[in-house]
């Protein structure tokens, strides 16, 4: 099955994030693996707020996981405790079983701090095998990308 390659056309989902003591090393700058934790939180927020797919329900009720299978990161500048940064994501490609996201972190001055590309694969959490992107999730991503008008997958639907 071929995927949807958005190129530069995908919208960007972004959130302001305060860099806290817990994110930092003894030098008072963000410890680089913390960016991955923050990026994961951004993906959850994107599912919940932009896609209207409750991430907790996807995992707990539908038993669908979304582990990283490929990751590239470029660290451009340090980020200090107390700063507020903007973290963003856009869809690079929606495949048959996977999702490629371009992720970024910019300082208040607009300077790029970190860029990353994450390839996530949809899995069944009981078998730990790759699965086709569930149709309600595919529809939500395509709708967010501006490619579809299928009804939303929501927690409150029966």
Protein backbone atom coordinates (compact mmCIF):
# COMPACT_ATOMS: atom_id res chain seq x y z
CA UNK A 1 0.00 0.00 0.00
CA UNK A 2 1.43 3.37 -0.92
CA UNK A 3 1.52 6.15 1.62
CA UNK A 4 0.55 9.79 1.61
CA UNK A 5 3.71 11.87 1.30
CA UNK A 6 2.90 15.38 2.47
CA UNK A 7 6.18 17.06 1.56
CA UNK A 8 5.96 20.60 2.88
CA UNK A 9 2.16 20.75 2.63
CA UNK A 10 1.39 19.26 6.05
CA UNK A 11 0.13 21.67 8.70
CA UNK A 12 2.33 22.17 11.75
CA UNK A 13 1.07 21.38 15.25
CA UNK A 14 2.92 23.37 17.93
CA UNK A 15 2.95 23.88 21.67
CA UNK A 16 4.87 26.15 24.04
CA UNK A 17 6.82 24.17 26.63
CA UNK A 18 8.54 25.42 29.79
CA UNK A 19 11.94 23.85 30.35
CA UNK A 20 12.00 22.68 33.95
CA UNK A 21 14.64 21.59 36.42
CA UNK A 22 13.68 17.93 35.75
CA UNK A 23 14.64 18.36 32.07
CA UNK A 24 18.14 19.64 32.82
CA UNK A 25 21.58 18.36 33.70
CA UNK A 26 23.81 19.86 36.45
CA UNK A 27 24.94 22.58 34.01
CA UNK A 28 21.35 23.87 33.87
CA UNK A 29 20.84 22.97 30.21
CA UNK A 30 18.39 20.45 28.85
CA UNK A 31 19.77 16.91 28.92
CA UNK A 32 19.44 15.87 25.26
CA UNK A 33 17.37 12.67 25.81
CA UNK A 34 14.70 14.86 27.43
CA UNK A 35 13.90 16.23 23.97
CA UNK A 36 12.65 12.75 23.06
CA UNK A 37 10.37 12.73 26.11
CA UNK A 38 9.08 16.18 25.17
CA UNK A 39 8.58 15.14 21.53
CA UNK A 40 6.60 12.10 22.68
CA UNK A 41 4.38 14.36 24.78
CA UNK A 42 3.87 16.54 21.71
CA UNK A 43 2.72 13.50 19.70
CA UNK A 44 0.21 12.66 22.46
CA UNK A 45 -1.05 16.27 22.47
CA UNK A 46 -1.37 16.16 18.66
CA UNK A 47 -3.46 12.98 18.85
CA UNK A 48 -5.67 14.39 21.62
CA UNK A 49 -6.08 17.99 20.48
CA UNK A 50 -5.59 18.11 16.71
CA UNK A 51 -6.64 14.62 15.60
CA UNK A 52 -9.32 14.19 18.30
CA UNK A 53 -8.09 10.63 18.85
CA UNK A 54 -7.68 10.08 22.60
CA UNK A 55 -4.15 8.72 22.92
CA UNK A 56 -4.88 6.95 26.21
CA UNK A 57 -7.86 5.14 24.65
CA UNK A 58 -5.78 4.16 21.62
CA UNK A 59 -3.26 2.49 23.92
CA UNK A 60 -5.43 1.12 26.76
CA UNK A 61 -8.72 0.27 25.03
CA UNK A 62 -7.73 -0.33 21.42
CA UNK A 63 -4.34 -1.86 22.34
CA UNK A 64 -2.56 0.11 19.62
CA UNK A 65 1.03 1.19 20.19
CA UNK A 66 3.18 3.63 18.28
CA UNK A 67 6.87 2.87 18.95
CA UNK A 68 9.74 4.67 17.24
CA UNK A 69 11.48 2.47 14.68
CA UNK A 70 13.80 5.12 13.23
CA UNK A 71 15.06 8.39 14.67
CA UNK A 72 17.31 11.17 13.39
CA UNK A 73 18.17 14.20 15.52
CA UNK A 74 20.21 17.33 14.96
CA UNK A 75 21.07 19.35 18.05
CA UNK A 76 21.78 22.95 17.03
CA UNK A 77 21.88 24.98 20.25
CA UNK A 78 21.47 24.56 23.99
CA UNK A 79 18.27 25.23 25.87
CA UNK A 80 18.43 26.43 29.45
CA UNK A 81 16.25 25.78 32.47
CA UNK A 82 13.52 28.42 32.70
CA UNK A 83 13.22 29.00 28.96
CA UNK A 84 9.94 28.60 27.09
CA UNK A 85 10.39 26.89 23.74
CA UNK A 86 8.02 26.06 20.92
CA UNK A 87 7.90 22.42 19.91
CA UNK A 88 6.26 21.46 16.64
CA UNK A 89 5.50 18.56 14.37
CA UNK A 90 4.32 17.97 10.85
CA UNK A 91 3.58 14.79 8.94
CA UNK A 92 6.22 13.85 6.38
CA UNK A 93 4.55 10.62 5.30
CA UNK A 94 1.60 8.48 6.27
CA UNK A 95 2.31 4.93 5.15
CA UNK A 96 0.37 1.70 5.36
CA UNK A 97 1.72 0.81 8.82
CA UNK A 98 3.92 3.76 9.67
CA UNK A 99 3.97 7.48 10.20
CA UNK A 100 6.96 9.79 9.63
CA UNK A 101 6.96 13.01 11.62
CA UNK A 102 9.24 16.02 11.30
CA UNK A 103 9.74 17.45 14.79
CA UNK A 104 11.39 20.70 15.87
CA UNK A 105 12.14 22.87 18.87
CA UNK A 106 12.67 26.64 18.59
CA UNK A 107 13.72 29.12 21.25
CA UNK A 108 11.80 32.30 22.04
CA UNK A 109 14.14 34.07 19.61
CA UNK A 110 12.99 31.73 16.82
CA UNK A 111 16.35 29.96 16.61
CA UNK A 112 16.20 26.24 15.89
CA UNK A 113 17.44 24.24 18.88
CA UNK A 114 16.66 20.68 17.74
CA UNK A 115 15.20 19.05 14.65
CA UNK A 116 14.25 15.40 14.40
CA UNK A 117 12.57 12.93 12.11
CA UNK A 118 10.71 10.08 13.81
CA UNK A 119 9.32 7.06 12.04
CA UNK A 120 6.63 5.44 14.16
CA UNK A 121 5.00 2.10 13.40
CA UNK A 122 1.51 1.11 14.49
CA UNK A 123 1.56 -2.12 16.51
CA UNK A 124 -0.87 -4.34 18.35
CA UNK A 125 0.18 -4.25 22.00
CA UNK A 126 -0.80 -7.85 22.69
CA UNK A 127 1.17 -9.39 19.80
CA UNK A 128 3.81 -6.66 19.35
CA UNK A 129 3.43 -6.97 15.59
CA UNK A 130 3.04 -4.18 13.07
CA UNK A 131 -0.54 -3.47 11.99
CA UNK A 132 -2.17 -1.39 9.30
CA UNK A 133 -2.91 2.15 10.45
CA UNK A 134 -6.37 1.80 12.04
CA UNK A 135 -8.95 3.37 9.68
CA UNK A 136 -10.27 5.94 12.21
CA UNK A 137 -6.70 7.10 12.91
CA UNK A 138 -5.81 7.22 9.21
CA UNK A 139 -8.95 9.26 8.55
CA UNK A 140 -8.11 11.67 11.39
CA UNK A 141 -4.54 12.20 10.13
CA UNK A 142 -5.67 12.64 6.53
CA UNK A 143 -8.36 15.09 7.63
CA UNK A 144 -5.79 17.05 9.65
CA UNK A 145 -3.51 17.08 6.63
CA UNK A 146 -6.43 18.45 4.61
CA UNK A 147 -6.94 15.32 2.51
CA UNK A 148 -10.20 13.85 3.83
CA UNK A 149 -13.54 14.66 5.46
CA UNK A 150 -14.32 11.32 7.16
CA UNK A 151 -16.03 11.72 10.61
CA UNK A 152 -13.72 11.92 13.62
CA UNK A 153 -12.81 9.05 15.92
CA UNK A 154 -13.76 10.34 19.36
CA UNK A 155 -13.77 9.00 22.88
CA UNK A 156 -17.43 9.94 23.33
CA UNK A 157 -18.70 8.04 20.27
CA UNK A 158 -20.46 4.75 20.93
